[in-house]
């Protein structure tokens, strides 16, 4: 599954994951402007847990206020970013596309 993880060291990072399984992703300095190492899991979450993590994310970095528009509040990332323990909101590519392309067929 392809997902966006929000506020990864101030970035939105697209990654390919299997929900519930550990992964490691390295975004090079050329791609991200600095090396960013993401390791952990993307897992299902209750809407309440997702909303709490989303609000914590926006409080930490107001640049991510736009993610309050996420409607499918079901996934979070839990792990480390550059060695720091974090919990961050995540969204599947399909759910992201549905927010903007309501009624349009999304091919996988």
C-alpha atoms as a PDB file:
ATOM      1  CA  UNK A   1       0.000   0.000   0.000  1.00  0.00           C
ATOM      2  CA  UNK A   2       1.255   3.477  -0.823  1.00  0.00           C
ATOM      3  CA  UNK A   3       0.818   6.056   1.941  1.00  0.00           C
ATOM      4  CA  UNK A   4       1.745   9.599   2.805  1.00  0.00           C
ATOM      5  CA  UNK A   5       3.246  10.117   6.257  1.00  0.00           C
ATOM      6  CA  UNK A   6       2.818  13.701   7.419  1.00  0.00           C
ATOM      7  CA  UNK A   7       5.361  15.880   9.285  1.00  0.00           C
ATOM      8  CA  UNK A   8       8.339  13.576   8.832  1.00  0.00           C
ATOM      9  CA  UNK A   9      10.964  16.072   9.976  1.00  0.00           C
ATOM     10  CA  UNK A  10       8.724  18.777   8.467  1.00  0.00           C
ATOM     11  CA  UNK A  11       8.074  16.860   5.228  1.00  0.00           C
ATOM     12  CA  UNK A  12       5.298  14.780   3.715  1.00  0.00           C
ATOM     13  CA  UNK A  13       6.885  11.486   2.732  1.00  0.00           C
ATOM     14  CA  UNK A  14       5.332   8.962   0.319  1.00  0.00           C
ATOM     15  CA  UNK A  15       6.260   5.355   1.134  1.00  0.00           C
ATOM     16  CA  UNK A  16       5.240   1.849   0.107  1.00  0.00           C
ATOM     17  CA  UNK A  17       4.319  -0.245   3.185  1.00  0.00           C
ATOM     18  CA  UNK A  18       2.458  -3.314   4.327  1.00  0.00           C
ATOM     19  CA  UNK A  19       0.260  -2.139   7.216  1.00  0.00           C
ATOM     20  CA  UNK A  20       1.425  -3.616  10.506  1.00  0.00           C
ATOM     21  CA  UNK A  21       4.821  -4.738   9.169  1.00  0.00           C
ATOM     22  CA  UNK A  22       8.086  -2.936   9.985  1.00  0.00           C
ATOM     23  CA  UNK A  23       9.793  -0.955   7.223  1.00  0.00           C
ATOM     24  CA  UNK A  24      12.732   1.375   6.771  1.00  0.00           C
ATOM     25  CA  UNK A  25      12.803   4.237   4.287  1.00  0.00           C
ATOM     26  CA  UNK A  26      15.730   6.551   3.615  1.00  0.00           C
ATOM     27  CA  UNK A  27      15.130   9.808   1.790  1.00  0.00           C
ATOM     28  CA  UNK A  28      18.430  11.092   0.447  1.00  0.00           C
ATOM     29  CA  UNK A  29      19.708  14.630   0.773  1.00  0.00           C
ATOM     30  CA  UNK A  30      19.179  15.052  -2.974  1.00  0.00           C
ATOM     31  CA  UNK A  31      15.503  14.019  -2.722  1.00  0.00           C
ATOM     32  CA  UNK A  32      14.561  15.658   0.584  1.00  0.00           C
ATOM     33  CA  UNK A  33      17.095  18.449   1.022  1.00  0.00           C
ATOM     34  CA  UNK A  34      18.585  16.483   3.942  1.00  0.00           C
ATOM     35  CA  UNK A  35      18.863  12.802   4.756  1.00  0.00           C
ATOM     36  CA  UNK A  36      15.748  11.528   6.530  1.00  0.00           C
ATOM     37  CA  UNK A  37      15.563   7.994   7.930  1.00  0.00           C
ATOM     38  CA  UNK A  38      12.078   6.658   8.696  1.00  0.00           C
ATOM     39  CA  UNK A  39      11.649   3.283  10.402  1.00  0.00           C
ATOM     40  CA  UNK A  40       8.626   1.757  12.086  1.00  0.00           C
ATOM     41  CA  UNK A  41       5.144   0.627  11.118  1.00  0.00           C
ATOM     42  CA  UNK A  42       2.025   2.087   9.596  1.00  0.00           C
ATOM     43  CA  UNK A  43      -0.894   0.608  11.473  1.00  0.00           C
ATOM     44  CA  UNK A  44      -4.651   0.953  11.758  1.00  0.00           C
ATOM     45  CA  UNK A  45      -5.879   3.380  14.407  1.00  0.00           C
ATOM     46  CA  UNK A  46      -9.210   4.388  15.816  1.00  0.00           C
ATOM     47  CA  UNK A  47     -10.567   7.718  14.633  1.00  0.00           C
ATOM     48  CA  UNK A  48     -10.035   9.106  18.143  1.00  0.00           C
ATOM     49  CA  UNK A  49      -6.353   8.087  18.216  1.00  0.00           C
ATOM     50  CA  UNK A  50      -5.806   9.396  14.690  1.00  0.00           C
ATOM     51  CA  UNK A  51      -7.441  12.743  15.546  1.00  0.00           C
ATOM     52  CA  UNK A  52      -5.329  13.116  18.706  1.00  0.00           C
ATOM     53  CA  UNK A  53      -2.118  12.422  16.755  1.00  0.00           C
ATOM     54  CA  UNK A  54      -3.221  14.749  13.936  1.00  0.00           C
ATOM     55  CA  UNK A  55      -3.889  17.588  16.391  1.00  0.00           C
ATOM     56  CA  UNK A  56      -0.528  16.995  18.117  1.00  0.00           C
ATOM     57  CA  UNK A  57       1.121  17.178  14.690  1.00  0.00           C
ATOM     58  CA  UNK A  58      -0.586  20.466  13.790  1.00  0.00           C
ATOM     59  CA  UNK A  59       0.260  21.933  17.212  1.00  0.00           C
ATOM     60  CA  UNK A  60       3.921  21.026  16.657  1.00  0.00           C
ATOM     61  CA  UNK A  61       3.990  22.238  13.044  1.00  0.00           C
ATOM     62  CA  UNK A  62       1.165  24.595  11.937  1.00  0.00           C
ATOM     63  CA  UNK A  63       2.284  24.171   8.304  1.00  0.00           C
ATOM     64  CA  UNK A  64       0.346  20.886   8.413  1.00  0.00           C
ATOM     65  CA  UNK A  65      -3.008  22.477   9.308  1.00  0.00           C
ATOM     66  CA  UNK A  66      -4.377  21.388   5.902  1.00  0.00           C
ATOM     67  CA  UNK A  67      -4.301  17.712   7.003  1.00  0.00           C
ATOM     68  CA  UNK A  68      -7.300  18.420   9.231  1.00  0.00           C
ATOM     69  CA  UNK A  69      -9.261  17.823   6.002  1.00  0.00           C
ATOM     70  CA  UNK A  70      -8.374  14.112   6.005  1.00  0.00           C
ATOM     71  CA  UNK A  71     -11.628  12.153   6.038  1.00  0.00           C
ATOM     72  CA  UNK A  72     -10.333   8.557   6.197  1.00  0.00           C
ATOM     73  CA  UNK A  73      -8.817   8.781   9.676  1.00  0.00           C
ATOM     74  CA  UNK A  74      -7.615   5.207   9.928  1.00  0.00           C
ATOM     75  CA  UNK A  75      -3.791   5.015   9.683  1.00  0.00           C
ATOM     76  CA  UNK A  76      -0.889   6.231  11.777  1.00  0.00           C
ATOM     77  CA  UNK A  77       2.872   5.832  11.568  1.00  0.00           C
ATOM     78  CA  UNK A  78       4.578   4.740  14.765  1.00  0.00           C
ATOM     79  CA  UNK A  79       8.349   4.526  14.927  1.00  0.00           C
ATOM     80  CA  UNK A  80      11.413   6.707  14.546  1.00  0.00           C
ATOM     81  CA  UNK A  81      12.393   9.602  12.306  1.00  0.00           C
ATOM     82  CA  UNK A  82      16.148  10.189  12.401  1.00  0.00           C
ATOM     83  CA  UNK A  83      16.240   8.227  15.675  1.00  0.00           C
ATOM     84  CA  UNK A  84      13.486  10.236  17.398  1.00  0.00           C
ATOM     85  CA  UNK A  85      10.370   8.312  18.554  1.00  0.00           C
ATOM     86  CA  UNK A  86       7.228   9.674  16.874  1.00  0.00           C
ATOM     87  CA  UNK A  87       3.584   8.960  16.127  1.00  0.00           C
ATOM     88  CA  UNK A  88       2.397  10.685  12.966  1.00  0.00           C
ATOM     89  CA  UNK A  89      -0.762  10.724  10.847  1.00  0.00           C
ATOM     90  CA  UNK A  90      -0.694   8.724   7.628  1.00  0.00           C
ATOM     91  CA  UNK A  91      -3.074   8.523   4.677  1.00  0.00           C
ATOM     92  CA  UNK A  92      -3.288   6.033   1.826  1.00  0.00           C
ATOM     93  CA  UNK A  93      -2.788   7.365  -1.703  1.00  0.00           C
ATOM     94  CA  UNK A  94      -6.298   6.150  -2.541  1.00  0.00           C
ATOM     95  CA  UNK A  95      -7.872   8.085   0.341  1.00  0.00           C
ATOM     96  CA  UNK A  96      -5.817  11.155  -0.557  1.00  0.00           C
ATOM     97  CA  UNK A  97      -7.015  10.961  -4.160  1.00  0.00           C
ATOM     98  CA  UNK A  98     -10.651  10.511  -3.097  1.00  0.00           C
ATOM     99  CA  UNK A  99     -10.503  13.773  -1.137  1.00  0.00           C
ATOM    100  CA  UNK A 100      -9.685  15.654  -4.334  1.00  0.00           C
ATOM    101  CA  UNK A 101     -11.198  13.518  -7.063  1.00  0.00           C
ATOM    102  CA  UNK A 102     -14.624  12.679  -5.620  1.00  0.00           C
ATOM    103  CA  UNK A 103     -16.451  10.619  -8.177  1.00  0.00           C
ATOM    104  CA  UNK A 104     -13.411   9.970 -10.371  1.00  0.00           C
ATOM    105  CA  UNK A 105     -12.151   6.430 -10.871  1.00  0.00           C
ATOM    106  CA  UNK A 106      -8.748   5.947  -9.234  1.00  0.00           C
ATOM    107  CA  UNK A 107      -6.602   3.279 -10.905  1.00  0.00           C
ATOM    108  CA  UNK A 108      -4.163   1.252  -8.816  1.00  0.00           C
END
